[in-house]
N, C-alpha and C. Protein backbone atom coordinates (compact mmCIF):
# COMPACT_ATOMS: atom_id res chain seq x y z
N MET A 1 -14.70 -29.81 18.29
CA MET A 1 -14.69 -28.36 18.53
C MET A 1 -13.71 -27.69 17.58
N LYS A 2 -14.10 -26.54 17.06
CA LYS A 2 -13.21 -25.78 16.19
C LYS A 2 -12.22 -24.95 17.01
N ASN A 3 -11.04 -24.78 16.47
CA ASN A 3 -10.00 -23.98 17.13
C ASN A 3 -10.07 -22.55 16.61
N ILE A 4 -10.22 -21.60 17.52
CA ILE A 4 -10.34 -20.19 17.16
C ILE A 4 -9.30 -19.39 17.93
N LEU A 5 -8.54 -18.57 17.21
CA LEU A 5 -7.57 -17.66 17.84
C LEU A 5 -8.15 -16.25 17.84
N ILE A 6 -8.27 -15.67 19.03
CA ILE A 6 -8.74 -14.29 19.17
C ILE A 6 -7.58 -13.46 19.71
N VAL A 7 -7.10 -12.52 18.91
CA VAL A 7 -6.01 -11.65 19.33
C VAL A 7 -6.61 -10.33 19.82
N GLY A 8 -6.21 -9.92 21.02
CA GLY A 8 -6.80 -8.74 21.63
C GLY A 8 -8.06 -9.10 22.39
N ALA A 9 -8.02 -10.21 23.14
CA ALA A 9 -9.22 -10.75 23.78
C ALA A 9 -9.38 -10.34 25.24
N SER A 10 -8.50 -9.49 25.76
CA SER A 10 -8.55 -9.19 27.19
C SER A 10 -9.62 -8.17 27.55
N ARG A 11 -10.14 -7.46 26.53
CA ARG A 11 -11.15 -6.44 26.83
C ARG A 11 -11.95 -6.12 25.57
N GLY A 12 -12.97 -5.29 25.72
CA GLY A 12 -13.72 -4.77 24.58
C GLY A 12 -14.37 -5.84 23.73
N ILE A 13 -14.32 -5.63 22.41
CA ILE A 13 -14.97 -6.53 21.47
C ILE A 13 -14.33 -7.92 21.51
N GLY A 14 -13.01 -7.99 21.65
CA GLY A 14 -12.35 -9.29 21.73
C GLY A 14 -12.82 -10.11 22.92
N LEU A 15 -12.98 -9.48 24.07
CA LEU A 15 -13.47 -10.17 25.26
C LEU A 15 -14.92 -10.61 25.08
N ALA A 16 -15.74 -9.74 24.51
CA ALA A 16 -17.14 -10.10 24.26
C ALA A 16 -17.23 -11.32 23.33
N LEU A 17 -16.37 -11.36 22.33
CA LEU A 17 -16.35 -12.49 21.41
C LEU A 17 -15.91 -13.77 22.14
N ALA A 18 -14.88 -13.65 22.98
CA ALA A 18 -14.42 -14.81 23.73
C ALA A 18 -15.52 -15.35 24.64
N LYS A 19 -16.26 -14.46 25.28
CA LYS A 19 -17.38 -14.90 26.13
C LYS A 19 -18.45 -15.61 25.31
N HIS A 20 -18.67 -15.14 24.10
CA HIS A 20 -19.69 -15.71 23.23
C HIS A 20 -19.31 -17.10 22.72
N LEU A 21 -18.01 -17.32 22.49
CA LEU A 21 -17.57 -18.54 21.82
C LEU A 21 -16.96 -19.61 22.74
N HIS A 22 -16.61 -19.25 23.97
CA HIS A 22 -15.74 -20.14 24.74
C HIS A 22 -16.36 -21.50 25.07
N GLN A 23 -17.68 -21.60 25.14
CA GLN A 23 -18.29 -22.88 25.49
C GLN A 23 -18.46 -23.80 24.28
N SER A 24 -18.47 -23.21 23.09
CA SER A 24 -18.72 -24.02 21.90
C SER A 24 -17.50 -24.21 21.03
N HIS A 25 -16.38 -23.57 21.39
CA HIS A 25 -15.16 -23.67 20.59
C HIS A 25 -13.95 -23.80 21.50
N ASN A 26 -12.88 -24.32 20.95
CA ASN A 26 -11.60 -24.35 21.64
C ASN A 26 -10.89 -23.04 21.35
N LEU A 27 -10.85 -22.15 22.34
CA LEU A 27 -10.31 -20.81 22.13
C LEU A 27 -8.86 -20.71 22.55
N ILE A 28 -8.09 -20.06 21.71
CA ILE A 28 -6.75 -19.61 22.07
C ILE A 28 -6.82 -18.09 22.03
N THR A 29 -6.52 -17.45 23.13
CA THR A 29 -6.58 -15.98 23.18
C THR A 29 -5.17 -15.43 23.33
N ALA A 30 -4.97 -14.25 22.81
CA ALA A 30 -3.65 -13.62 22.87
C ALA A 30 -3.80 -12.12 23.07
N SER A 31 -2.96 -11.58 23.94
CA SER A 31 -2.92 -10.14 24.16
C SER A 31 -1.69 -9.82 25.00
N ARG A 32 -1.33 -8.54 25.05
CA ARG A 32 -0.17 -8.15 25.85
C ARG A 32 -0.42 -8.42 27.33
N THR A 33 -1.66 -8.19 27.76
CA THR A 33 -2.02 -8.44 29.15
C THR A 33 -3.32 -9.24 29.17
N SER A 34 -3.55 -9.93 30.26
CA SER A 34 -4.80 -10.66 30.41
C SER A 34 -5.75 -9.81 31.25
N SER A 35 -6.87 -10.38 31.66
CA SER A 35 -7.81 -9.69 32.55
C SER A 35 -8.52 -10.75 33.37
N ASP A 36 -9.08 -10.33 34.49
CA ASP A 36 -9.80 -11.27 35.35
C ASP A 36 -10.95 -11.92 34.59
N GLU A 37 -11.66 -11.12 33.77
CA GLU A 37 -12.79 -11.66 33.04
C GLU A 37 -12.34 -12.71 32.02
N LEU A 38 -11.23 -12.46 31.37
CA LEU A 38 -10.73 -13.42 30.39
C LEU A 38 -10.24 -14.68 31.09
N GLU A 39 -9.51 -14.52 32.18
CA GLU A 39 -9.00 -15.68 32.90
C GLU A 39 -10.12 -16.55 33.43
N ALA A 40 -11.25 -15.94 33.78
CA ALA A 40 -12.40 -16.70 34.29
C ALA A 40 -12.97 -17.65 33.24
N LEU A 41 -12.71 -17.37 31.96
CA LEU A 41 -13.22 -18.23 30.89
C LEU A 41 -12.40 -19.51 30.75
N GLY A 42 -11.17 -19.50 31.28
CA GLY A 42 -10.33 -20.69 31.23
C GLY A 42 -9.78 -21.01 29.85
N THR A 43 -9.61 -20.01 29.01
CA THR A 43 -9.06 -20.25 27.68
C THR A 43 -7.54 -20.42 27.75
N GLN A 44 -6.97 -21.01 26.73
CA GLN A 44 -5.52 -21.02 26.60
C GLN A 44 -5.09 -19.62 26.21
N HIS A 45 -4.31 -18.96 27.07
CA HIS A 45 -3.96 -17.56 26.81
C HIS A 45 -2.47 -17.42 26.55
N LEU A 46 -2.15 -16.66 25.50
CA LEU A 46 -0.77 -16.38 25.14
C LEU A 46 -0.48 -14.90 25.43
N SER A 47 0.51 -14.63 26.26
CA SER A 47 0.90 -13.25 26.56
C SER A 47 1.86 -12.77 25.48
N ILE A 48 1.28 -12.21 24.43
CA ILE A 48 2.06 -11.82 23.25
C ILE A 48 1.63 -10.44 22.78
N ASP A 49 2.60 -9.62 22.41
CA ASP A 49 2.33 -8.34 21.75
C ASP A 49 2.28 -8.63 20.25
N ALA A 50 1.08 -8.61 19.69
CA ALA A 50 0.91 -9.02 18.30
C ALA A 50 1.66 -8.12 17.32
N SER A 51 1.91 -6.88 17.71
CA SER A 51 2.60 -5.96 16.79
C SER A 51 4.11 -6.15 16.80
N ASP A 52 4.62 -7.03 17.67
CA ASP A 52 6.05 -7.32 17.75
C ASP A 52 6.38 -8.43 16.75
N GLU A 53 7.11 -8.09 15.71
CA GLU A 53 7.40 -9.08 14.68
C GLU A 53 8.27 -10.22 15.19
N ASN A 54 8.89 -10.05 16.36
CA ASN A 54 9.72 -11.11 16.94
C ASN A 54 8.98 -11.90 18.01
N ALA A 55 7.67 -11.69 18.14
CA ALA A 55 6.89 -12.41 19.15
C ALA A 55 6.98 -13.92 18.90
N ALA A 56 7.03 -14.67 20.00
CA ALA A 56 7.26 -16.12 19.92
C ALA A 56 5.94 -16.88 19.72
N TRP A 57 5.48 -16.96 18.47
CA TRP A 57 4.27 -17.72 18.15
C TRP A 57 4.56 -19.19 17.91
N ASP A 58 5.79 -19.51 17.53
CA ASP A 58 6.12 -20.88 17.13
C ASP A 58 5.79 -21.88 18.24
N GLY A 59 5.08 -22.92 17.87
CA GLY A 59 4.74 -23.97 18.82
C GLY A 59 3.58 -23.64 19.74
N GLN A 60 3.02 -22.46 19.62
CA GLN A 60 1.94 -22.06 20.53
C GLN A 60 0.55 -22.16 19.89
N LEU A 61 0.51 -22.40 18.60
CA LEU A 61 -0.76 -22.52 17.91
C LEU A 61 -1.02 -23.97 17.53
N PRO A 62 -2.29 -24.38 17.46
CA PRO A 62 -2.59 -25.75 17.02
C PRO A 62 -2.22 -25.94 15.55
N GLU A 63 -2.10 -27.19 15.15
CA GLU A 63 -1.75 -27.48 13.76
C GLU A 63 -2.89 -27.12 12.81
N VAL A 64 -4.12 -27.12 13.33
CA VAL A 64 -5.29 -26.76 12.53
C VAL A 64 -6.02 -25.62 13.24
N LEU A 65 -6.26 -24.55 12.51
CA LEU A 65 -6.93 -23.37 13.06
C LEU A 65 -8.10 -23.02 12.16
N HIS A 66 -9.29 -22.98 12.75
CA HIS A 66 -10.50 -22.74 11.96
C HIS A 66 -10.87 -21.26 11.87
N GLY A 67 -10.36 -20.47 12.78
CA GLY A 67 -10.69 -19.05 12.76
C GLY A 67 -9.63 -18.20 13.43
N LEU A 68 -9.44 -17.01 12.88
CA LEU A 68 -8.53 -16.01 13.45
C LEU A 68 -9.25 -14.68 13.46
N VAL A 69 -9.35 -14.07 14.63
CA VAL A 69 -9.96 -12.75 14.75
C VAL A 69 -8.91 -11.80 15.33
N TYR A 70 -8.63 -10.73 14.61
CA TYR A 70 -7.63 -9.75 15.07
C TYR A 70 -8.37 -8.49 15.52
N CYS A 71 -8.38 -8.28 16.84
CA CYS A 71 -9.18 -7.19 17.43
C CYS A 71 -8.42 -5.94 17.85
N PRO A 72 -7.09 -5.96 18.03
CA PRO A 72 -6.42 -4.75 18.50
C PRO A 72 -6.70 -3.53 17.61
N GLY A 73 -6.79 -2.38 18.24
CA GLY A 73 -7.05 -1.16 17.48
C GLY A 73 -6.61 0.06 18.26
N THR A 74 -6.73 1.21 17.63
CA THR A 74 -6.34 2.47 18.26
C THR A 74 -7.42 3.52 18.02
N ILE A 75 -7.51 4.47 18.93
CA ILE A 75 -8.33 5.67 18.71
C ILE A 75 -7.44 6.85 19.09
N ASN A 76 -6.77 7.39 18.12
CA ASN A 76 -5.81 8.47 18.34
C ASN A 76 -6.34 9.70 17.60
N LEU A 77 -7.21 10.44 18.26
CA LEU A 77 -7.93 11.54 17.62
C LEU A 77 -7.25 12.88 17.90
N LYS A 78 -6.68 13.47 16.84
CA LYS A 78 -6.02 14.77 16.94
C LYS A 78 -6.19 15.50 15.63
N PRO A 79 -6.15 16.84 15.67
CA PRO A 79 -6.09 17.56 14.39
C PRO A 79 -4.80 17.22 13.66
N ILE A 80 -4.84 17.31 12.34
CA ILE A 80 -3.72 16.85 11.53
C ILE A 80 -2.40 17.54 11.90
N ASN A 81 -2.45 18.82 12.29
CA ASN A 81 -1.21 19.53 12.62
C ASN A 81 -0.61 19.09 13.94
N ARG A 82 -1.34 18.28 14.71
CA ARG A 82 -0.81 17.77 15.97
C ARG A 82 -0.43 16.29 15.89
N LEU A 83 -0.64 15.69 14.75
CA LEU A 83 -0.27 14.29 14.57
C LEU A 83 1.17 14.20 14.08
N SER A 84 1.99 13.46 14.79
CA SER A 84 3.39 13.30 14.40
C SER A 84 3.54 12.09 13.48
N ARG A 85 4.69 12.01 12.86
CA ARG A 85 5.02 10.82 12.07
C ARG A 85 4.92 9.56 12.93
N LYS A 86 5.37 9.68 14.19
CA LYS A 86 5.31 8.54 15.11
C LYS A 86 3.87 8.11 15.37
N ASP A 87 2.94 9.07 15.49
CA ASP A 87 1.53 8.73 15.67
C ASP A 87 1.04 7.83 14.54
N PHE A 88 1.36 8.24 13.30
CA PHE A 88 0.92 7.45 12.14
C PHE A 88 1.58 6.07 12.14
N ILE A 89 2.87 6.03 12.46
CA ILE A 89 3.59 4.75 12.48
C ILE A 89 3.04 3.84 13.57
N ASP A 90 2.78 4.39 14.75
CA ASP A 90 2.26 3.58 15.85
C ASP A 90 0.88 3.00 15.51
N ASP A 91 0.00 3.84 14.93
CA ASP A 91 -1.33 3.35 14.55
C ASP A 91 -1.22 2.28 13.47
N PHE A 92 -0.35 2.48 12.50
CA PHE A 92 -0.17 1.50 11.42
C PHE A 92 0.41 0.20 11.96
N THR A 93 1.33 0.31 12.90
CA THR A 93 1.95 -0.88 13.48
C THR A 93 0.92 -1.72 14.22
N THR A 94 0.11 -1.08 15.05
CA THR A 94 -0.91 -1.82 15.81
C THR A 94 -1.98 -2.38 14.90
N ASN A 95 -2.53 -1.56 14.03
CA ASN A 95 -3.70 -1.94 13.25
C ASN A 95 -3.39 -2.85 12.07
N VAL A 96 -2.28 -2.60 11.41
CA VAL A 96 -1.99 -3.31 10.15
C VAL A 96 -0.86 -4.33 10.31
N LEU A 97 0.31 -3.87 10.73
CA LEU A 97 1.45 -4.79 10.80
C LEU A 97 1.21 -5.90 11.82
N GLY A 98 0.54 -5.59 12.92
CA GLY A 98 0.20 -6.63 13.89
C GLY A 98 -0.66 -7.70 13.26
N ALA A 99 -1.67 -7.28 12.49
CA ALA A 99 -2.53 -8.25 11.82
C ALA A 99 -1.73 -9.08 10.81
N VAL A 100 -0.84 -8.42 10.07
CA VAL A 100 -0.02 -9.13 9.08
C VAL A 100 0.85 -10.18 9.77
N HIS A 101 1.52 -9.80 10.87
CA HIS A 101 2.40 -10.74 11.57
C HIS A 101 1.62 -11.97 12.03
N VAL A 102 0.44 -11.75 12.61
CA VAL A 102 -0.34 -12.88 13.13
C VAL A 102 -0.83 -13.77 11.99
N ILE A 103 -1.32 -13.15 10.92
CA ILE A 103 -1.81 -13.94 9.79
C ILE A 103 -0.69 -14.78 9.19
N GLN A 104 0.48 -14.20 9.04
CA GLN A 104 1.61 -14.94 8.48
C GLN A 104 1.94 -16.17 9.33
N ARG A 105 1.91 -16.01 10.64
CA ARG A 105 2.25 -17.12 11.52
C ARG A 105 1.14 -18.15 11.61
N ALA A 106 -0.09 -17.72 11.46
CA ALA A 106 -1.23 -18.64 11.59
C ALA A 106 -1.62 -19.29 10.26
N LEU A 107 -1.10 -18.80 9.16
CA LEU A 107 -1.57 -19.23 7.84
C LEU A 107 -1.45 -20.73 7.59
N PRO A 108 -0.35 -21.39 7.94
CA PRO A 108 -0.31 -22.84 7.70
C PRO A 108 -1.45 -23.58 8.41
N ALA A 109 -1.74 -23.17 9.64
CA ALA A 109 -2.82 -23.82 10.40
C ALA A 109 -4.20 -23.48 9.83
N LEU A 110 -4.36 -22.26 9.31
CA LEU A 110 -5.62 -21.87 8.69
C LEU A 110 -5.85 -22.65 7.40
N LYS A 111 -4.80 -22.82 6.60
CA LYS A 111 -4.92 -23.60 5.37
C LYS A 111 -5.21 -25.07 5.68
N ALA A 112 -4.65 -25.58 6.76
CA ALA A 112 -4.83 -26.99 7.12
C ALA A 112 -6.28 -27.31 7.47
N ALA A 113 -7.04 -26.30 7.87
CA ALA A 113 -8.44 -26.53 8.25
C ALA A 113 -9.32 -26.84 7.04
N LYS A 114 -8.86 -26.46 5.85
CA LYS A 114 -9.62 -26.67 4.60
C LYS A 114 -11.03 -26.08 4.70
N GLY A 115 -11.07 -24.87 5.24
CA GLY A 115 -12.32 -24.15 5.41
C GLY A 115 -12.25 -23.33 6.68
N SER A 116 -11.58 -22.20 6.62
CA SER A 116 -11.36 -21.38 7.81
C SER A 116 -11.69 -19.92 7.51
N SER A 117 -11.57 -19.09 8.53
CA SER A 117 -12.00 -17.70 8.40
C SER A 117 -11.05 -16.76 9.14
N ILE A 118 -10.77 -15.63 8.52
CA ILE A 118 -10.04 -14.53 9.16
C ILE A 118 -10.99 -13.34 9.26
N VAL A 119 -11.07 -12.73 10.43
CA VAL A 119 -11.89 -11.55 10.63
C VAL A 119 -11.01 -10.41 11.13
N LEU A 120 -11.05 -9.29 10.43
CA LEU A 120 -10.29 -8.10 10.78
C LEU A 120 -11.26 -6.96 11.08
N TYR A 121 -10.76 -5.93 11.77
CA TYR A 121 -11.61 -4.80 12.14
C TYR A 121 -11.13 -3.49 11.53
N SER A 122 -12.06 -2.80 10.89
CA SER A 122 -11.84 -1.46 10.39
C SER A 122 -12.68 -0.51 11.24
N THR A 123 -13.09 0.60 10.68
CA THR A 123 -13.95 1.57 11.37
C THR A 123 -14.78 2.30 10.33
N VAL A 124 -15.95 2.76 10.74
CA VAL A 124 -16.79 3.53 9.82
C VAL A 124 -16.11 4.83 9.40
N ALA A 125 -15.11 5.26 10.18
CA ALA A 125 -14.42 6.52 9.86
C ALA A 125 -13.70 6.45 8.52
N VAL A 126 -13.38 5.24 8.04
CA VAL A 126 -12.71 5.11 6.74
C VAL A 126 -13.60 5.64 5.63
N LYS A 127 -14.88 5.28 5.65
CA LYS A 127 -15.80 5.68 4.59
C LYS A 127 -16.54 6.98 4.91
N ALA A 128 -16.77 7.25 6.20
CA ALA A 128 -17.62 8.38 6.58
C ALA A 128 -16.89 9.71 6.54
N GLY A 129 -15.57 9.72 6.68
CA GLY A 129 -14.84 10.98 6.69
C GLY A 129 -15.10 11.80 7.93
N MET A 130 -14.54 11.37 9.06
CA MET A 130 -14.76 12.05 10.34
C MET A 130 -13.55 12.90 10.70
N GLY A 131 -13.79 14.10 11.17
CA GLY A 131 -12.71 14.98 11.57
C GLY A 131 -11.85 14.39 12.67
N PHE A 132 -10.57 14.70 12.65
CA PHE A 132 -9.59 14.30 13.67
C PHE A 132 -9.27 12.80 13.64
N HIS A 133 -9.75 12.08 12.62
CA HIS A 133 -9.53 10.63 12.53
C HIS A 133 -8.47 10.26 11.49
N SER A 134 -7.68 11.21 11.02
CA SER A 134 -6.84 10.92 9.85
C SER A 134 -5.86 9.78 10.08
N SER A 135 -5.26 9.68 11.25
CA SER A 135 -4.28 8.63 11.49
C SER A 135 -4.93 7.26 11.60
N VAL A 136 -5.95 7.14 12.44
CA VAL A 136 -6.62 5.84 12.60
C VAL A 136 -7.35 5.45 11.32
N ALA A 137 -7.97 6.42 10.63
CA ALA A 137 -8.68 6.09 9.39
C ALA A 137 -7.71 5.63 8.31
N ALA A 138 -6.53 6.22 8.26
CA ALA A 138 -5.54 5.81 7.26
C ALA A 138 -5.11 4.37 7.49
N SER A 139 -4.85 4.01 8.76
CA SER A 139 -4.40 2.64 9.03
C SER A 139 -5.54 1.64 8.85
N LYS A 140 -6.75 2.01 9.23
CA LYS A 140 -7.88 1.09 9.06
C LYS A 140 -8.27 0.95 7.58
N ALA A 141 -8.06 2.00 6.79
CA ALA A 141 -8.26 1.87 5.34
C ALA A 141 -7.29 0.85 4.78
N ALA A 142 -6.08 0.82 5.33
CA ALA A 142 -5.10 -0.19 4.91
C ALA A 142 -5.59 -1.59 5.27
N ILE A 143 -6.25 -1.72 6.41
CA ILE A 143 -6.82 -3.03 6.79
C ILE A 143 -7.86 -3.47 5.77
N GLU A 144 -8.68 -2.53 5.29
CA GLU A 144 -9.69 -2.89 4.28
C GLU A 144 -9.02 -3.34 2.99
N GLY A 145 -7.96 -2.66 2.59
CA GLY A 145 -7.22 -3.08 1.40
C GLY A 145 -6.57 -4.44 1.60
N LEU A 146 -6.00 -4.65 2.78
CA LEU A 146 -5.40 -5.93 3.11
C LEU A 146 -6.44 -7.04 3.05
N GLY A 147 -7.59 -6.78 3.62
CA GLY A 147 -8.65 -7.80 3.65
C GLY A 147 -9.11 -8.19 2.26
N ARG A 148 -9.30 -7.20 1.38
CA ARG A 148 -9.73 -7.51 0.01
C ARG A 148 -8.67 -8.32 -0.74
N SER A 149 -7.42 -7.92 -0.57
CA SER A 149 -6.34 -8.63 -1.25
C SER A 149 -6.23 -10.06 -0.75
N LEU A 150 -6.28 -10.24 0.57
CA LEU A 150 -6.17 -11.59 1.13
C LEU A 150 -7.36 -12.46 0.76
N ALA A 151 -8.54 -11.87 0.67
CA ALA A 151 -9.71 -12.65 0.29
C ALA A 151 -9.50 -13.29 -1.08
N ALA A 152 -8.90 -12.54 -1.99
CA ALA A 152 -8.62 -13.08 -3.33
C ALA A 152 -7.47 -14.09 -3.28
N GLU A 153 -6.42 -13.75 -2.54
CA GLU A 153 -5.23 -14.61 -2.50
C GLU A 153 -5.48 -15.95 -1.82
N LEU A 154 -6.32 -15.93 -0.76
CA LEU A 154 -6.49 -17.14 0.04
C LEU A 154 -7.73 -17.95 -0.34
N ALA A 155 -8.53 -17.44 -1.26
CA ALA A 155 -9.73 -18.18 -1.68
C ALA A 155 -9.41 -19.59 -2.17
N PRO A 156 -8.34 -19.80 -2.94
CA PRO A 156 -8.04 -21.17 -3.38
C PRO A 156 -7.78 -22.15 -2.24
N TYR A 157 -7.45 -21.62 -1.06
CA TYR A 157 -7.17 -22.48 0.11
C TYR A 157 -8.38 -22.58 1.04
N ALA A 158 -9.53 -22.07 0.58
CA ALA A 158 -10.77 -22.09 1.37
C ALA A 158 -10.63 -21.32 2.68
N VAL A 159 -9.86 -20.24 2.63
CA VAL A 159 -9.74 -19.33 3.77
C VAL A 159 -10.53 -18.07 3.43
N ARG A 160 -11.62 -17.83 4.15
CA ARG A 160 -12.43 -16.63 3.94
C ARG A 160 -11.83 -15.47 4.72
N VAL A 161 -11.95 -14.27 4.18
CA VAL A 161 -11.44 -13.07 4.86
C VAL A 161 -12.54 -12.02 4.86
N ASN A 162 -12.90 -11.53 6.04
CA ASN A 162 -13.91 -10.49 6.15
C ASN A 162 -13.39 -9.36 7.04
N VAL A 163 -13.84 -8.16 6.74
CA VAL A 163 -13.48 -6.98 7.53
C VAL A 163 -14.77 -6.35 8.03
N ILE A 164 -14.85 -6.12 9.34
CA ILE A 164 -16.01 -5.50 9.97
C ILE A 164 -15.64 -4.06 10.32
N ALA A 165 -16.56 -3.13 10.07
CA ALA A 165 -16.28 -1.71 10.35
C ALA A 165 -17.33 -1.16 11.31
N PRO A 166 -17.15 -1.37 12.61
CA PRO A 166 -18.12 -0.84 13.58
C PRO A 166 -18.02 0.68 13.71
N SER A 167 -19.06 1.25 14.23
CA SER A 167 -19.01 2.65 14.65
C SER A 167 -18.52 2.68 16.10
N LEU A 168 -18.67 3.81 16.77
CA LEU A 168 -18.21 3.95 18.14
C LEU A 168 -18.86 2.89 19.02
N THR A 169 -18.03 2.16 19.75
CA THR A 169 -18.50 1.07 20.60
C THR A 169 -18.05 1.33 22.03
N ASP A 170 -18.88 0.97 22.98
CA ASP A 170 -18.63 1.27 24.39
C ASP A 170 -17.58 0.33 24.97
N THR A 171 -16.33 0.66 24.73
CA THR A 171 -15.20 -0.11 25.25
C THR A 171 -14.25 0.82 25.98
N SER A 172 -13.27 0.24 26.67
CA SER A 172 -12.30 1.08 27.37
C SER A 172 -11.50 1.93 26.40
N LEU A 173 -11.32 1.45 25.18
CA LEU A 173 -10.60 2.22 24.17
C LEU A 173 -11.32 3.53 23.85
N ALA A 174 -12.65 3.50 23.94
CA ALA A 174 -13.45 4.68 23.61
C ALA A 174 -13.88 5.46 24.85
N SER A 175 -13.32 5.15 26.00
CA SER A 175 -13.80 5.74 27.25
C SER A 175 -13.72 7.26 27.26
N ALA A 176 -12.68 7.84 26.68
CA ALA A 176 -12.54 9.30 26.67
C ALA A 176 -13.62 9.96 25.84
N LEU A 177 -14.14 9.24 24.84
CA LEU A 177 -15.18 9.80 23.97
C LEU A 177 -16.56 9.65 24.58
N LEU A 178 -16.67 8.85 25.65
CA LEU A 178 -17.97 8.59 26.27
C LEU A 178 -17.93 8.89 27.77
N SER A 179 -17.08 9.83 28.15
CA SER A 179 -16.77 10.04 29.57
C SER A 179 -17.82 10.85 30.33
N THR A 180 -18.75 11.48 29.62
CA THR A 180 -19.81 12.24 30.30
C THR A 180 -21.16 11.89 29.68
N PRO A 181 -22.25 12.11 30.41
CA PRO A 181 -23.57 11.84 29.84
C PRO A 181 -23.82 12.64 28.55
N GLU A 182 -23.28 13.87 28.50
CA GLU A 182 -23.46 14.70 27.32
C GLU A 182 -22.76 14.11 26.10
N LYS A 183 -21.52 13.65 26.30
CA LYS A 183 -20.78 13.02 25.20
C LYS A 183 -21.48 11.74 24.73
N ARG A 184 -21.97 10.96 25.68
CA ARG A 184 -22.65 9.70 25.35
C ARG A 184 -23.93 9.98 24.55
N GLU A 185 -24.68 11.00 24.98
CA GLU A 185 -25.92 11.35 24.28
C GLU A 185 -25.63 11.85 22.86
N ALA A 186 -24.61 12.69 22.73
CA ALA A 186 -24.25 13.20 21.41
C ALA A 186 -23.81 12.07 20.48
N ALA A 187 -23.02 11.11 21.02
CA ALA A 187 -22.58 9.97 20.21
C ALA A 187 -23.75 9.11 19.79
N ALA A 188 -24.69 8.90 20.70
CA ALA A 188 -25.87 8.08 20.39
C ALA A 188 -26.70 8.69 19.28
N LYS A 189 -26.83 10.01 19.29
CA LYS A 189 -27.67 10.69 18.30
C LYS A 189 -27.12 10.61 16.88
N ARG A 190 -25.84 10.26 16.74
CA ARG A 190 -25.25 10.15 15.40
C ARG A 190 -25.62 8.83 14.72
N HIS A 191 -26.31 7.96 15.42
CA HIS A 191 -26.63 6.64 14.88
C HIS A 191 -28.13 6.46 14.70
N PRO A 192 -28.54 5.73 13.67
CA PRO A 192 -29.98 5.50 13.44
C PRO A 192 -30.67 4.86 14.64
N LEU A 193 -29.98 3.98 15.37
CA LEU A 193 -30.58 3.33 16.54
C LEU A 193 -30.61 4.24 17.76
N GLN A 194 -29.97 5.42 17.64
CA GLN A 194 -29.92 6.37 18.75
C GLN A 194 -29.27 5.78 19.99
N GLN A 195 -28.25 4.96 19.78
CA GLN A 195 -27.49 4.41 20.89
C GLN A 195 -26.07 4.11 20.46
N VAL A 196 -25.19 4.05 21.45
CA VAL A 196 -23.80 3.69 21.21
C VAL A 196 -23.71 2.17 21.16
N GLY A 197 -22.84 1.64 20.30
CA GLY A 197 -22.71 0.21 20.15
C GLY A 197 -22.20 -0.46 21.40
N ASP A 198 -22.63 -1.70 21.61
CA ASP A 198 -22.17 -2.52 22.71
C ASP A 198 -21.27 -3.62 22.15
N PRO A 199 -20.18 -3.96 22.85
CA PRO A 199 -19.29 -5.00 22.32
C PRO A 199 -20.01 -6.30 21.97
N ALA A 200 -21.00 -6.67 22.76
CA ALA A 200 -21.73 -7.91 22.50
C ALA A 200 -22.49 -7.85 21.18
N ASP A 201 -22.93 -6.66 20.77
CA ASP A 201 -23.61 -6.50 19.48
C ASP A 201 -22.68 -6.86 18.33
N VAL A 202 -21.43 -6.43 18.43
CA VAL A 202 -20.46 -6.68 17.37
C VAL A 202 -20.09 -8.15 17.32
């Protein structure tokens, strides 16, 4: 069985991925909090805040890691004049620095696999130019830059790096954007499939 670390697995896309992989892979999941659904899968769970650079990862990861998926994200939608410096720093810390901290700590184990994969998450807002998304789009654009750079840097070690950019997905993070039938219908109409994404699709 391959060893896969999913960070941010307690809900949303991370939880859907854990449900998809838990029977065929040895999963290590990590998040600030767990959930009943995640605990029901019986994975090895680490209660860690990935954005904390002092988080205790040492000794908690296997010596060989075949995959790392970093799922934490933010949806902090405000007009630019209402976004504070702290808003930008908080979004960057969660989306980018958290991913960097985890990758740095997992890298020896990823290299040891001699054929592993890192998956990061961006958003369509980076390329599409959506109003009120300036803070989250800025940090997720940094994730895309990070992913491209790491793909080149880690290729000699057979570590693949990919970045996925979903559109609006029906998770608790997006609950305020999908809180009424009217909002849900409007969101669905913005997509060719005429529906909002489901975590299992991603």
